[in-house]
Amino acid sequence: MILEYKGLNQIDGSLVILEGVKNASYEEMVALSLDDGTERAGRIVRIDGDRVVIQVFEGTRGLSMVNTRTRLTGKPMEMALSPEIIGRVFDGMGRPIDGMGEIYPVVKRNINGSAINPVARVYPRNCILTGISSIDALATLIRGQKLPIFSGAGMKHNELAVQIVKQATVADNSEFAVVFAAMGVKNDVADYFRRSFEEANVMDRVVMFLNLSNDPIIERIITPRCALTAAEYLAFDLNMNILVILTDMTAYAEALREFSSSKGEIPGKKGYPGYLYSDLASIYERAGIIKGSSGSVTQIPILTMPNDDITHPVPDLTGFITEGQIVLDRELDSIGIYPPVGVLPSLSRLMKDGIGKGYTREDHAALANQLFSSYAKVQDAKALASVIGEEELSDIDKKLVMFGRAFEKYFLNQGENENRSIEETLDLGWELLSMLPLEALDRVSNDILAEHYRKKKTKANIDWDLR
C-alpha cells in the first residue's frame, strides 16, 4: 500500500523534514505534489526513527508547509536503459535533453549500482589508445583501469577530454563507446563539449550527461552515478568496451561538501565530509572487467587541483583509490606545450600488463623506461645549468638538455586534432633517444638498441630547431 503524507514539518534550504513516516528506506525516491498540481522529485537522505530528511531536486521554492503531499515510491532512483541511449544527451539526472524523445527502457537499473564480487573481477589487460603520445607511450590506459587526470584551474583539461573522446580506440576493433559526464560546467563549456563531438562526427558512439553550474547540487552528486549505470549496462549487458570520462570531480566533491554541511554533518579536512574517501571509492570502483562478460568499464576522472595542490583532499584520496594518475604541468602549459603532461609525476600502474608483444609493440616497455630515465636526467642537468650556466655543462649534460627541449617540443607537444598511431609515437620516441650517445641509454638491451637506435625516421628532415 502506498501512503501519502500531507504537510511538512520543516523546510531547510533544499531539505524538507517529515515526521511520523513508517517503513521508509535510505535513498528511497519520493514525489512531492504542490498546490498547483505539479510534482517534484526528492530522495530520502537521512532517517531518525520515524523522522526523515528529504532532498528536493528542484529546490523547495513554492512548497507549502500545509498542503504539500509527499508520496514514498518504495524504490531507489532508477535509470531507464536501452541500446538507443548511445548518441543521446541527458541532463545530470539521466533525463533526455536533446529533443529526441524519451528512452523506451529495456531495463531500469538502480543508479547506485551493484557491488562487484572481487572474485568475479578479471585482471585488466589490453590498452585503449588515445592518439596522444605522452599518454599512449608513458602512461598507457589499460582496459578496465581507472586513471585520473590531475589538472589545475585554467589549464586545457577540457580540450584534452574532447581529444580523448574523439580519438580513443581499442586495438582489437571490438565494440567501443564513450560515456561522457560533465559536472558543474558553465553553459559555454557544455556547448563546447557538445559542439566538438558533433563536428567530429563521434556523437554516434557517445552517451553524454550534462550537469550545469546552475543546476541543483544534488543533481551533481547523482550525475556520475547515472553515467556509470549507463556504462555498466552497455559493458556488461551488451558486451561493449566503455570509456567513462568524468569532469570535473572537484566540482562533484564540492557539491558533496555543501550537501553534507546542509545536513549538519561534522566536517573533516577542509570542510569535506569524513566519508569523502568511501564516497569517491563508490564511484571509482565501478570500473573493471567481470568474468563471463567481454565488455569493460574504463574510467578517466578529471579533477582540478585547487591552487595546483596535489595534497588537497580530492586529488590525494583519488590517488589512493585509482591506479596511477596523469598530471598536467603548469610550467609546460605556460610555454605553450599541449597537452602539458608532466611526465615524471605521471604513471599508470597497470601499464606493464597491457603493452608490449601482443598488445602494442615489443619495444614499448623498454622505450618508456628509457624516456623516463633520460627525461629525469634532463631535470638534473637543467638544475645544474641554472647554477653554473649551460655553457659550463659537460658534453653529455649539454646533449641531455637538447634532448629535453626536443622531447617537449616534438613528443609531448601535439595538436588538438593530431591523432598519432602507436607506431608513430614509438618511432618518434626512438628518433629522439637517438640524439643521445649509446652509453647514455642504460635502460635498453643491446638487441633492442641494435634494432631501433638511429634507424627510425618518422618526421622527415627534422632540423631540431630548439630555440
Protein backbone atom coordinates (compact mmCIF):
# COMPACT_ATOMS: atom_id res chain seq x y z
CA MET A 1 0.00 0.00 0.00
CA ILE A 2 1.36 3.40 -1.00
CA LEU A 3 0.95 6.03 1.72
CA GLU A 4 0.74 9.75 1.11
CA TYR A 5 1.67 12.25 3.81
CA LYS A 6 0.09 15.70 3.85
CA GLY A 7 2.05 18.70 5.10
CA LEU A 8 5.67 19.22 6.04
CA ASN A 9 7.23 19.66 9.47
CA GLN A 10 10.19 21.79 8.40
CA ILE A 11 11.87 23.30 5.33
CA ASP A 12 15.60 24.00 5.47
CA GLY A 13 17.14 25.13 2.18
CA SER A 14 16.71 22.29 -0.30
CA LEU A 15 15.82 19.87 2.51
CA VAL A 16 12.38 19.10 3.91
CA ILE A 17 11.71 17.20 7.14
CA LEU A 18 8.76 14.90 7.59
CA GLU A 19 7.77 13.19 10.84
CA GLY A 20 5.63 10.15 11.52
CA VAL A 21 6.89 8.28 8.46
CA LYS A 22 6.93 4.50 8.72
CA ASN A 23 8.87 1.90 6.70
CA ALA A 24 10.98 4.46 4.84
CA SER A 25 14.27 3.41 3.24
CA TYR A 26 17.51 5.32 2.84
CA GLU A 27 17.84 6.80 -0.71
CA GLU A 28 14.21 5.96 -1.43
CA MET A 29 12.66 8.26 -4.03
CA VAL A 30 9.67 10.40 -3.09
CA ALA A 31 7.25 12.53 -5.08
CA LEU A 32 6.10 15.86 -3.65
CA SER A 33 2.82 17.25 -5.06
CA LEU A 34 2.42 21.04 -4.96
CA ASP A 35 -0.75 23.13 -4.76
CA ASP A 36 -0.63 23.84 -8.50
CA GLY A 37 -0.67 20.13 -9.35
CA THR A 38 2.98 19.86 -10.33
CA GLU A 39 5.30 17.27 -8.83
CA ARG A 40 8.90 17.45 -7.70
CA ALA A 41 11.21 14.52 -7.13
CA GLY A 42 13.11 14.04 -3.91
CA ARG A 43 15.28 11.47 -2.20
CA ILE A 44 15.46 10.39 1.44
CA VAL A 45 18.94 11.25 2.68
CA ARG A 46 18.55 10.70 6.42
CA ILE A 47 16.32 8.66 8.73
CA ASP A 48 15.99 9.19 12.50
CA GLY A 49 13.32 6.80 13.73
CA ASP A 50 10.10 7.96 12.09
CA ARG A 51 11.67 11.30 11.09
CA VAL A 52 13.02 11.53 7.55
CA VAL A 53 15.05 14.21 5.77
CA ILE A 54 14.27 14.58 2.06
CA GLN A 55 16.47 16.32 -0.50
CA VAL A 56 14.27 18.02 -3.11
CA PHE A 57 15.95 18.02 -6.52
CA GLU A 58 14.34 21.14 -7.97
CA GLY A 59 14.53 23.07 -4.70
CA THR A 60 11.88 23.91 -2.12
CA ARG A 61 10.66 27.22 -3.53
CA GLY A 62 6.86 27.20 -3.67
CA LEU A 63 6.38 24.25 -1.28
CA SER A 64 3.55 24.65 1.22
CA MET A 65 4.07 23.55 4.82
CA VAL A 66 0.36 22.64 4.99
CA ASN A 67 -0.80 21.37 1.62
CA THR A 68 2.25 19.65 0.11
CA ARG A 69 1.58 15.93 -0.30
CA THR A 70 4.53 13.53 -0.10
CA ARG A 71 4.36 10.04 -1.59
CA LEU A 72 7.05 7.41 -0.97
CA THR A 73 7.69 5.34 -4.10
CA GLY A 74 9.25 2.34 -2.35
CA LYS A 75 12.28 2.20 -4.64
CA PRO A 76 15.61 3.98 -5.15
CA MET A 77 16.36 6.23 -8.09
CA GLU A 78 16.49 4.20 -11.31
CA MET A 79 17.60 4.98 -14.83
CA ALA A 80 15.86 3.83 -18.00
CA LEU A 81 18.30 1.93 -20.21
CA SER A 82 18.27 0.55 -23.73
CA PRO A 83 20.74 0.33 -26.64
CA GLU A 84 19.29 3.59 -28.01
CA ILE A 85 20.99 5.67 -25.26
CA ILE A 86 24.12 5.76 -27.46
CA GLY A 87 24.23 9.07 -29.28
CA ARG A 88 21.85 10.73 -26.81
CA VAL A 89 22.34 13.72 -24.48
CA PHE A 90 20.93 13.64 -20.92
CA ASP A 91 20.84 16.02 -18.00
CA GLY A 92 22.52 15.19 -14.70
CA MET A 93 19.59 13.00 -13.61
CA GLY A 94 19.51 10.94 -16.77
CA ARG A 95 16.59 12.73 -18.46
CA PRO A 96 16.92 13.32 -22.25
CA ILE A 97 17.58 16.96 -23.18
CA ASP A 98 18.38 16.56 -26.89
CA GLY A 99 14.79 16.87 -28.12
CA MET A 100 14.73 13.31 -29.45
CA GLY A 101 12.08 12.00 -27.09
CA GLU A 102 12.09 9.71 -24.10
CA ILE A 103 14.03 6.47 -23.79
CA TYR A 104 11.86 3.35 -24.03
CA PRO A 105 13.58 1.15 -21.47
CA VAL A 106 14.64 -2.42 -21.96
CA VAL A 107 15.57 -2.42 -18.29
CA LYS A 108 15.69 0.01 -15.36
CA ARG A 109 18.66 -0.04 -13.00
CA ASN A 110 19.43 1.42 -9.58
CA ILE A 111 21.88 4.28 -10.20
CA ASN A 112 23.96 3.23 -7.18
CA GLY A 113 24.99 0.07 -9.00
CA SER A 114 25.63 -3.36 -7.54
CA ALA A 115 28.72 -4.44 -5.64
CA ILE A 116 31.13 -6.45 -7.78
CA ASN A 117 32.38 -9.64 -6.18
CA PRO A 118 36.20 -9.30 -6.15
CA VAL A 119 36.46 -12.96 -7.17
CA ALA A 120 34.46 -12.16 -10.32
CA ARG A 121 36.86 -9.39 -11.40
CA VAL A 122 39.19 -10.07 -14.33
CA TYR A 123 42.66 -8.52 -14.20
CA PRO A 124 42.81 -5.59 -16.66
CA ARG A 125 44.83 -6.17 -19.82
CA ASN A 126 44.84 -4.70 -23.35
CA CYS A 127 45.09 -0.98 -23.85
CA ILE A 128 42.86 1.84 -25.00
CA LEU A 129 44.80 4.12 -27.34
CA THR A 130 44.11 7.85 -27.19
CA GLY A 131 46.29 9.01 -30.10
CA ILE A 132 48.20 11.20 -27.62
CA SER A 133 51.90 10.28 -27.44
CA SER A 134 52.54 11.28 -23.83
CA ILE A 135 49.67 9.06 -22.64
CA ASP A 136 49.96 6.11 -25.03
CA ALA A 137 53.73 5.73 -24.61
CA LEU A 138 54.36 6.71 -21.00
CA ALA A 139 51.09 6.34 -19.03
CA THR A 140 49.18 3.84 -21.14
CA LEU A 141 45.48 3.50 -20.36
CA ILE A 142 44.57 -0.15 -19.80
CA ARG A 143 41.09 -1.52 -20.42
CA GLY A 144 39.23 -1.78 -17.11
CA GLN A 145 41.54 0.70 -15.36
CA LYS A 146 40.71 3.92 -13.53
CA LEU A 147 43.32 6.53 -14.48
CA PRO A 148 42.59 10.12 -13.36
CA ILE A 149 43.88 13.35 -14.88
CA PHE A 150 45.05 15.91 -12.32
CA SER A 151 44.76 19.41 -13.75
CA GLY A 152 44.67 22.98 -12.50
CA ALA A 153 42.41 25.97 -12.96
CA GLY A 154 42.75 27.49 -16.43
CA MET A 155 44.64 24.57 -17.94
CA LYS A 156 43.47 22.76 -21.06
CA HIS A 157 41.86 19.70 -19.49
CA ASN A 158 38.59 20.32 -21.34
CA GLU A 159 40.42 20.28 -24.69
CA LEU A 160 42.26 17.14 -23.63
CA ALA A 161 38.99 15.44 -22.66
CA VAL A 162 37.48 16.28 -26.05
CA GLN A 163 40.56 15.00 -27.88
CA ILE A 164 40.43 11.71 -25.98
CA VAL A 165 36.75 11.25 -26.81
CA LYS A 166 37.40 11.94 -30.50
CA GLN A 167 40.49 9.73 -30.84
CA ALA A 168 40.16 6.85 -28.34
CA THR A 169 40.14 3.37 -29.87
CA VAL A 170 40.62 -0.23 -28.81
CA ALA A 171 43.24 -2.28 -30.62
CA ASP A 172 41.09 -5.35 -31.33
CA ASN A 173 38.31 -3.37 -33.10
CA SER A 174 35.66 -4.63 -30.65
CA GLU A 175 32.54 -2.55 -29.99
CA PHE A 176 33.56 0.66 -28.26
CA ALA A 177 31.71 3.68 -26.90
CA VAL A 178 32.33 6.65 -24.61
CA VAL A 179 30.18 7.81 -21.69
CA PHE A 180 30.95 11.46 -21.04
CA ALA A 181 29.71 13.19 -17.88
CA ALA A 182 30.30 16.89 -17.19
CA MET A 183 29.51 18.19 -13.68
CA GLY A 184 29.10 21.80 -12.65
CA VAL A 185 30.13 23.24 -16.02
CA LYS A 186 29.04 26.60 -17.40
CA ASN A 187 26.73 26.80 -20.41
CA ASP A 188 29.52 27.78 -22.82
CA VAL A 189 31.66 24.81 -21.73
CA ALA A 190 28.71 22.43 -22.13
CA ASP A 191 28.07 23.84 -25.62
CA TYR A 192 31.78 23.41 -26.42
CA PHE A 193 31.69 19.73 -25.49
CA ARG A 194 28.52 19.04 -27.42
CA ARG A 195 29.56 21.03 -30.50
CA SER A 196 33.02 19.44 -30.58
CA PHE A 197 31.61 15.90 -30.59
CA GLU A 198 29.06 16.74 -33.27
CA GLU A 199 31.61 18.44 -35.52
CA ALA A 200 33.98 15.48 -35.17
CA ASN A 201 31.11 13.08 -36.07
CA VAL A 202 31.64 10.96 -32.95
CA MET A 203 28.25 11.51 -31.29
CA ASP A 204 27.10 8.16 -32.64
CA ARG A 205 29.38 6.47 -30.10
CA VAL A 206 28.95 8.90 -27.19
CA VAL A 207 26.45 8.93 -24.31
CA MET A 208 26.53 12.42 -22.83
CA PHE A 209 25.44 13.67 -19.39
CA LEU A 210 25.48 17.42 -18.72
CA ASN A 211 25.05 18.95 -15.28
CA LEU A 212 25.29 22.74 -15.42
CA SER A 213 26.65 25.02 -12.73
CA ASN A 214 23.20 26.48 -12.07
CA ASP A 215 21.59 23.06 -11.61
CA PRO A 216 20.80 21.80 -8.10
CA ILE A 217 23.81 20.37 -6.24
CA ILE A 218 22.01 17.10 -5.54
CA GLU A 219 21.88 16.57 -9.31
CA ARG A 220 25.66 16.99 -9.43
CA ILE A 221 26.01 14.18 -6.89
CA ILE A 222 23.80 11.92 -8.98
CA THR A 223 25.38 12.65 -12.39
CA PRO A 224 28.42 10.31 -12.18
CA ARG A 225 26.23 7.53 -10.86
CA CYS A 226 23.81 7.87 -13.78
CA ALA A 227 26.76 7.87 -16.19
CA LEU A 228 28.27 4.74 -14.64
CA THR A 229 24.90 2.98 -14.62
CA ALA A 230 24.67 3.59 -18.38
CA ALA A 231 28.28 2.41 -18.81
CA GLU A 232 27.68 -0.81 -16.82
CA TYR A 233 24.60 -1.61 -18.92
CA LEU A 234 26.49 -1.14 -22.19
CA ALA A 235 29.53 -3.06 -20.93
CA PHE A 236 28.05 -6.00 -19.06
CA ASP A 237 24.69 -6.41 -20.82
CA LEU A 238 25.74 -5.51 -24.38
CA ASN A 239 29.41 -6.63 -24.09
CA MET A 240 30.89 -3.31 -25.22
CA ASN A 241 34.15 -1.69 -24.14
CA ILE A 242 33.18 1.60 -22.48
CA LEU A 243 35.41 4.54 -21.63
CA VAL A 244 33.87 6.81 -18.97
CA ILE A 245 35.16 10.39 -18.69
CA LEU A 246 34.05 12.28 -15.58
CA THR A 247 34.82 16.00 -15.39
CA ASP A 248 35.19 17.73 -13.01
CA MET A 249 35.37 15.54 -9.88
CA THR A 250 36.38 18.56 -7.80
CA ALA A 251 33.00 20.14 -8.61
CA TYR A 252 31.40 16.87 -7.51
CA ALA A 253 33.33 16.86 -4.22
CA GLU A 254 32.43 20.50 -3.53
CA ALA A 255 28.75 19.69 -4.10
CA LEU A 256 29.11 16.77 -1.69
CA ARG A 257 30.68 19.13 0.88
CA GLU A 258 27.81 21.61 0.53
CA PHE A 259 25.25 18.84 0.78
CA SER A 260 26.95 17.38 3.86
CA SER A 261 27.02 20.79 5.51
CA SER A 262 23.31 21.33 4.84
CA LYS A 263 22.58 18.06 6.70
CA GLY A 264 24.56 19.30 9.70
CA GLU A 265 27.25 16.62 9.47
CA ILE A 266 30.58 17.09 11.23
CA PRO A 267 33.12 18.29 8.63
CA GLY A 268 36.52 16.73 8.05
CA LYS A 269 39.62 18.15 6.38
CA LYS A 270 38.95 21.43 4.52
CA GLY A 271 35.23 21.05 5.29
CA TYR A 272 34.74 17.87 3.24
CA PRO A 273 32.70 15.11 4.89
CA GLY A 274 34.59 12.36 6.69
CA TYR A 275 33.18 9.81 4.24
CA LEU A 276 34.68 11.52 1.16
CA TYR A 277 37.08 8.60 0.63
CA SER A 278 34.37 5.94 0.64
CA ASP A 279 32.08 8.12 -1.48
CA LEU A 280 34.76 8.58 -4.17
CA ALA A 281 35.56 4.87 -3.96
CA SER A 282 31.89 4.04 -4.61
CA ILE A 283 32.33 5.82 -7.96
CA TYR A 284 35.86 4.81 -8.98
CA GLU A 285 35.47 1.14 -8.05
CA ARG A 286 32.71 0.73 -10.61
CA ALA A 287 35.43 0.40 -13.26
CA GLY A 288 36.63 -3.03 -14.24
CA ILE A 289 36.05 -6.25 -16.15
CA ILE A 290 33.75 -9.00 -14.89
CA LYS A 291 34.21 -12.70 -15.53
CA GLY A 292 31.76 -14.00 -18.14
CA SER A 293 31.46 -10.69 -20.00
CA SER A 294 33.61 -9.48 -22.88
CA GLY A 295 32.79 -5.86 -22.03
CA SER A 296 34.70 -3.47 -19.78
CA VAL A 297 34.31 -0.15 -17.97
CA THR A 298 37.39 2.10 -18.00
CA GLN A 299 37.40 5.42 -16.18
CA ILE A 300 39.23 8.72 -16.71
CA PRO A 301 38.10 11.03 -13.90
CA ILE A 302 39.33 14.60 -14.43
CA LEU A 303 39.80 16.91 -11.47
CA THR A 304 41.23 20.38 -10.96
CA MET A 305 43.60 20.70 -8.02
CA PRO A 306 42.83 23.88 -6.02
CA ASN A 307 45.98 26.06 -6.13
CA ASP A 308 47.69 23.19 -8.01
CA ASP A 309 47.96 21.39 -4.65
CA ILE A 310 48.29 17.65 -5.24
CA THR A 311 47.94 17.06 -1.47
CA HIS A 312 44.43 18.58 -1.48
CA PRO A 313 41.89 16.01 -0.20
CA VAL A 314 40.25 15.37 -3.59
CA PRO A 315 43.40 14.50 -5.62
CA ASP A 316 45.01 12.92 -2.55
CA LEU A 317 42.15 10.48 -1.95
CA THR A 318 41.68 9.92 -5.67
CA GLY A 319 45.33 8.88 -5.92
CA PHE A 320 44.82 6.30 -3.15
CA ILE A 321 41.86 4.70 -4.91
CA THR A 322 42.95 4.75 -8.55
CA GLU A 323 45.77 3.00 -10.42
CA GLY A 324 48.03 5.93 -11.20
CA GLN A 325 47.48 9.45 -12.48
CA ILE A 326 48.23 11.79 -15.38
CA VAL A 327 49.40 15.15 -14.03
CA LEU A 328 49.21 18.30 -16.14
CA ASP A 329 52.16 20.64 -15.60
CA ARG A 330 51.65 24.38 -15.14
CA GLU A 331 55.15 25.24 -16.42
CA LEU A 332 54.70 23.27 -19.65
CA ASP A 333 51.29 24.89 -20.12
CA SER A 334 52.82 28.35 -19.70
CA ILE A 335 55.29 27.78 -22.57
CA GLY A 336 52.56 26.57 -24.93
CA ILE A 337 53.07 22.80 -24.75
CA TYR A 338 49.82 20.91 -25.40
CA PRO A 339 48.91 18.62 -23.80
CA PRO A 340 51.08 19.77 -20.86
CA VAL A 341 51.56 16.29 -19.40
CA GLY A 342 54.12 16.25 -16.60
CA VAL A 343 55.99 13.05 -17.42
CA LEU A 344 57.77 12.41 -14.13
CA PRO A 345 54.81 12.63 -11.69
CA SER A 346 52.54 10.71 -14.10
CA LEU A 347 52.25 6.95 -14.10
CA SER A 348 49.94 4.10 -15.00
CA ARG A 349 50.36 1.23 -12.53
CA LEU A 350 48.71 -1.32 -14.84
CA MET A 351 50.65 -0.22 -17.93
CA LYS A 352 53.19 -3.07 -17.78
CA ASP A 353 50.45 -5.69 -18.18
CA GLY A 354 48.79 -4.20 -21.27
CA ILE A 355 51.69 -3.19 -23.51
CA GLY A 356 54.45 -4.98 -25.35
CA LYS A 357 54.27 -8.06 -27.52
CA GLY A 358 50.70 -8.97 -28.41
CA TYR A 359 49.35 -5.60 -27.30
CA THR A 360 51.27 -2.64 -28.74
CA ARG A 361 54.86 -3.40 -29.78
CA GLU A 362 57.65 -5.45 -28.25
CA ASP A 363 59.92 -2.46 -27.60
CA HIS A 364 57.24 -0.32 -25.90
CA ALA A 365 58.21 -1.01 -22.28
CA ALA A 366 61.93 -0.54 -22.93
CA LEU A 367 61.31 2.75 -24.74
CA ALA A 368 59.09 4.05 -21.94
CA ASN A 369 61.66 3.17 -19.28
CA GLN A 370 64.44 4.89 -21.19
CA LEU A 371 62.40 8.01 -21.89
CA PHE A 372 61.53 8.30 -18.19
CA SER A 373 65.16 7.81 -17.18
CA SER A 374 66.58 10.24 -19.74
CA TYR A 375 64.00 12.93 -19.00
CA ALA A 376 64.72 12.65 -15.27
CA LYS A 377 68.41 13.26 -16.05
CA VAL A 378 67.37 16.28 -18.12
CA GLN A 379 65.89 17.86 -14.98
CA ASP A 380 69.17 17.31 -13.13
CA ALA A 381 71.13 18.88 -15.99
CA LYS A 382 68.76 21.87 -16.06
CA ALA A 383 69.16 22.36 -12.32
CA LEU A 384 72.95 22.30 -12.69
CA ALA A 385 72.82 24.73 -15.64
CA SER A 386 70.80 27.18 -13.56
CA VAL A 387 73.75 27.33 -11.15
CA ILE A 388 76.85 27.20 -13.35
CA GLY A 389 75.43 28.17 -16.74
CA GLU A 390 74.66 25.91 -19.68
CA GLU A 391 78.00 26.61 -21.41
CA GLU A 392 79.83 25.06 -18.43
CA LEU A 393 77.98 21.75 -18.63
CA SER A 394 79.71 18.55 -19.70
CA ASP A 395 79.12 17.26 -23.23
CA ILE A 396 76.64 14.63 -22.05
CA ASP A 397 74.69 17.16 -19.98
CA LYS A 398 74.51 19.52 -22.97
CA LYS A 399 73.11 16.69 -25.08
CA LEU A 400 70.60 15.89 -22.34
CA VAL A 401 69.40 19.49 -22.29
CA MET A 402 68.99 19.42 -26.09
CA PHE A 403 67.17 16.10 -25.82
CA GLY A 404 64.83 17.58 -23.19
CA ARG A 405 63.91 20.52 -25.43
CA ALA A 406 63.31 18.23 -28.40
CA PHE A 407 61.29 15.81 -26.26
CA GLU A 408 58.97 18.59 -25.08
CA LYS A 409 58.67 20.26 -28.48
CA TYR A 410 58.19 17.19 -30.68
CA PHE A 411 56.96 14.37 -28.42
CA LEU A 412 54.86 15.97 -25.67
CA ASN A 413 53.58 18.77 -27.88
CA GLN A 414 50.96 17.85 -30.48
CA GLY A 415 47.94 19.50 -32.00
CA GLU A 416 44.45 19.22 -30.56
CA ASN A 417 43.39 17.38 -33.72
CA GLU A 418 46.61 15.39 -34.20
CA ASN A 419 45.97 11.68 -33.81
CA ARG A 420 49.22 9.70 -33.63
CA SER A 421 49.20 5.95 -34.04
CA ILE A 422 51.14 3.89 -31.51
CA GLU A 423 53.68 3.09 -34.24
CA GLU A 424 54.27 6.80 -34.93
CA THR A 425 54.59 7.51 -31.21
CA LEU A 426 57.13 4.75 -30.55
CA ASP A 427 59.17 5.55 -33.65
CA LEU A 428 59.29 9.22 -32.67
CA GLY A 429 60.47 8.23 -29.22
CA TRP A 430 63.39 6.23 -30.67
CA GLU A 431 64.27 9.06 -33.01
CA LEU A 432 64.55 11.42 -30.05
CA LEU A 433 66.58 8.97 -27.99
CA SER A 434 68.98 8.67 -30.92
CA MET A 435 70.08 12.23 -30.11
CA LEU A 436 71.87 10.78 -27.09
CA PRO A 437 75.06 8.69 -27.23
CA LEU A 438 74.69 4.94 -26.76
CA GLU A 439 76.37 4.96 -23.37
CA ALA A 440 73.58 7.24 -22.05
CA LEU A 441 70.89 4.65 -22.90
CA ASP A 442 71.27 2.34 -19.92
CA ARG A 443 67.68 1.05 -19.64
CA VAL A 444 67.55 -0.76 -23.00
CA SER A 445 69.01 -4.10 -24.02
CA ASN A 446 71.61 -4.28 -26.78
CA ASP A 447 69.26 -6.27 -29.01
CA ILE A 448 66.56 -3.58 -28.89
CA LEU A 449 69.14 -0.83 -29.39
CA ALA A 450 70.53 -2.64 -32.43
CA GLU A 451 67.05 -2.71 -33.95
CA HIS A 452 65.87 0.84 -33.20
CA TYR A 453 68.79 3.20 -32.43
CA ARG A 454 69.13 5.81 -35.24
CA LYS A 455 67.01 3.73 -37.60
CA LYS A 456 63.52 5.21 -37.21
CA LYS A 457 62.72 8.40 -39.10
CA THR A 458 59.13 9.46 -38.62
CA LYS A 459 59.42 13.23 -39.06
CA ALA A 460 61.14 13.85 -42.35
CA ASN A 461 64.01 16.38 -42.34
CA ILE A 462 63.63 17.35 -38.68
CA ASP A 463 66.02 20.23 -38.16
CA TRP A 464 65.72 20.08 -34.34
CA ASP A 465 65.16 23.82 -34.17
CA LEU A 466 65.00 24.06 -30.39
CA ARG A 467 65.14 27.80 -29.91
